[in-house]
Amino acid sequence: MDIRDVFGKNLKHYRLKSGISQEALAAKMGVDRAHVSAMERGQQNVTIITLWHAALALDVKPMALLDDEREED
């Protein structure tokens, strides 16, 4: 699986688990809501800084967003 897809699926998983909208996550990360949407769909290459901001916003370790073996809930 493409790492962008892995990141996107995990980003969406942890965002929904946190109970926040794409807009709220975008605000916490300092990006546009469309950027969050593109990341969740695996259509956006993210920088290591963006990965870090996403992890901080979702209160997860950065590696959790790259875990391709996370079990589906």
C-alpha atoms as a PDB file:
ATOM      1  CA  MET A   1       0.000   0.000   0.000  1.00  0.00           C
ATOM      2  CA  ASP A   2       1.200   3.521  -0.794  1.00  0.00           C
ATOM      3  CA  ILE A   3       2.453   5.361   2.310  1.00  0.00           C
ATOM      4  CA  ARG A   4       0.167   8.296   1.446  1.00  0.00           C
ATOM      5  CA  ASP A   5      -2.821   5.951   1.679  1.00  0.00           C
ATOM      6  CA  VAL A   6      -1.584   4.526   4.978  1.00  0.00           C
ATOM      7  CA  PHE A   7      -1.095   8.002   6.406  1.00  0.00           C
ATOM      8  CA  GLY A   8      -4.492   9.137   5.112  1.00  0.00           C
ATOM      9  CA  LYS A   9      -6.376   6.191   6.558  1.00  0.00           C
ATOM     10  CA  ASN A  10      -4.656   6.602   9.920  1.00  0.00           C
ATOM     11  CA  LEU A  11      -5.190  10.360   9.930  1.00  0.00           C
ATOM     12  CA  LYS A  12      -8.912   9.881   9.342  1.00  0.00           C
ATOM     13  CA  HIS A  13      -9.098   7.069  11.903  1.00  0.00           C
ATOM     14  CA  TYR A  14      -7.526   9.124  14.682  1.00  0.00           C
ATOM     15  CA  ARG A  15      -9.475  12.254  13.704  1.00  0.00           C
ATOM     16  CA  LEU A  16     -12.782  10.397  13.948  1.00  0.00           C
ATOM     17  CA  LYS A  17     -11.659   8.704  17.164  1.00  0.00           C
ATOM     18  CA  SER A  18     -10.965  12.184  18.568  1.00  0.00           C
ATOM     19  CA  GLY A  19     -14.431  13.287  17.490  1.00  0.00           C
ATOM     20  CA  ILE A  20     -13.256  16.323  15.554  1.00  0.00           C
ATOM     21  CA  SER A  21     -14.088  17.549  12.081  1.00  0.00           C
ATOM     22  CA  GLN A  22     -11.665  18.065   9.231  1.00  0.00           C
ATOM     23  CA  GLU A  23     -12.099  21.797   9.766  1.00  0.00           C
ATOM     24  CA  ALA A  24     -11.199  21.543  13.459  1.00  0.00           C
ATOM     25  CA  LEU A  25      -8.158  19.396  12.700  1.00  0.00           C
ATOM     26  CA  ALA A  26      -7.073  21.831   9.999  1.00  0.00           C
ATOM     27  CA  ALA A  27      -7.315  24.715  12.465  1.00  0.00           C
ATOM     28  CA  LYS A  28      -5.202  22.827  15.017  1.00  0.00           C
ATOM     29  CA  MET A  29      -2.619  22.050  12.347  1.00  0.00           C
ATOM     30  CA  GLY A  30      -2.620  25.503  10.787  1.00  0.00           C
ATOM     31  CA  VAL A  31      -3.668  24.265   7.349  1.00  0.00           C
ATOM     32  CA  ASP A  32      -6.763  24.485   5.160  1.00  0.00           C
ATOM     33  CA  ARG A  33      -9.604  21.951   5.493  1.00  0.00           C
ATOM     34  CA  ALA A  34      -9.110  20.961   1.838  1.00  0.00           C
ATOM     35  CA  HIS A  35      -5.522  20.020   2.690  1.00  0.00           C
ATOM     36  CA  VAL A  36      -6.734  17.665   5.437  1.00  0.00           C
ATOM     37  CA  SER A  37      -9.248  16.165   3.009  1.00  0.00           C
ATOM     38  CA  ALA A  38      -6.548  15.576   0.385  1.00  0.00           C
ATOM     39  CA  MET A  39      -4.261  13.980   2.988  1.00  0.00           C
ATOM     40  CA  GLU A  40      -7.037  11.650   4.179  1.00  0.00           C
ATOM     41  CA  ARG A  41      -7.661  10.565   0.580  1.00  0.00           C
ATOM     42  CA  GLY A  42      -3.969   9.817   0.048  1.00  0.00           C
ATOM     43  CA  GLN A  43      -3.674  12.522  -2.574  1.00  0.00           C
ATOM     44  CA  GLN A  44      -1.218  14.746  -0.756  1.00  0.00           C
ATOM     45  CA  ASN A  45       2.465  14.299  -0.112  1.00  0.00           C
ATOM     46  CA  VAL A  46       3.111  15.479   3.415  1.00  0.00           C
ATOM     47  CA  THR A  47       6.281  16.844   4.916  1.00  0.00           C
ATOM     48  CA  ILE A  48       7.737  15.559   8.155  1.00  0.00           C
ATOM     49  CA  ILE A  49       6.625  18.837   9.749  1.00  0.00           C
ATOM     50  CA  THR A  50       3.033  18.263   8.607  1.00  0.00           C
ATOM     51  CA  LEU A  51       3.209  14.734  10.023  1.00  0.00           C
ATOM     52  CA  TRP A  52       4.430  16.182  13.325  1.00  0.00           C
ATOM     53  CA  HIS A  53       1.652  18.810  13.423  1.00  0.00           C
ATOM     54  CA  ALA A  54      -0.977  16.158  12.704  1.00  0.00           C
ATOM     55  CA  ALA A  55       0.335  13.926  15.487  1.00  0.00           C
ATOM     56  CA  LEU A  56       0.359  16.824  17.962  1.00  0.00           C
ATOM     57  CA  ALA A  57      -3.158  17.881  16.955  1.00  0.00           C
ATOM     58  CA  LEU A  58      -4.463  14.332  17.402  1.00  0.00           C
ATOM     59  CA  ASP A  59      -2.392  13.577  20.511  1.00  0.00           C
ATOM     60  CA  VAL A  60      -0.797  10.479  18.981  1.00  0.00           C
ATOM     61  CA  LYS A  61       2.783   9.481  18.295  1.00  0.00           C
ATOM     62  CA  PRO A  62       3.914  10.321  14.750  1.00  0.00           C
ATOM     63  CA  MET A  63       4.585   6.635  14.062  1.00  0.00           C
ATOM     64  CA  ALA A  64       0.910   5.860  14.723  1.00  0.00           C
ATOM     65  CA  LEU A  65       0.075   7.803  11.574  1.00  0.00           C
ATOM     66  CA  LEU A  66       2.463   5.653   9.532  1.00  0.00           C
ATOM     67  CA  ASP A  67       1.475   2.274  10.982  1.00  0.00           C
ATOM     68  CA  ASP A  68       0.432   0.059   8.076  1.00  0.00           C
ATOM     69  CA  GLU A  69      -0.485  -2.755  10.467  1.00  0.00           C
ATOM     70  CA  ARG A  70      -3.005  -0.846  12.607  1.00  0.00           C
ATOM     71  CA  GLU A  71      -6.025  -3.046  13.092  1.00  0.00           C
ATOM     72  CA  GLU A  72      -9.309  -1.712  11.786  1.00  0.00           C
ATOM     73  CA  ASP A  73     -11.862  -0.937  14.495  1.00  0.00           C
END
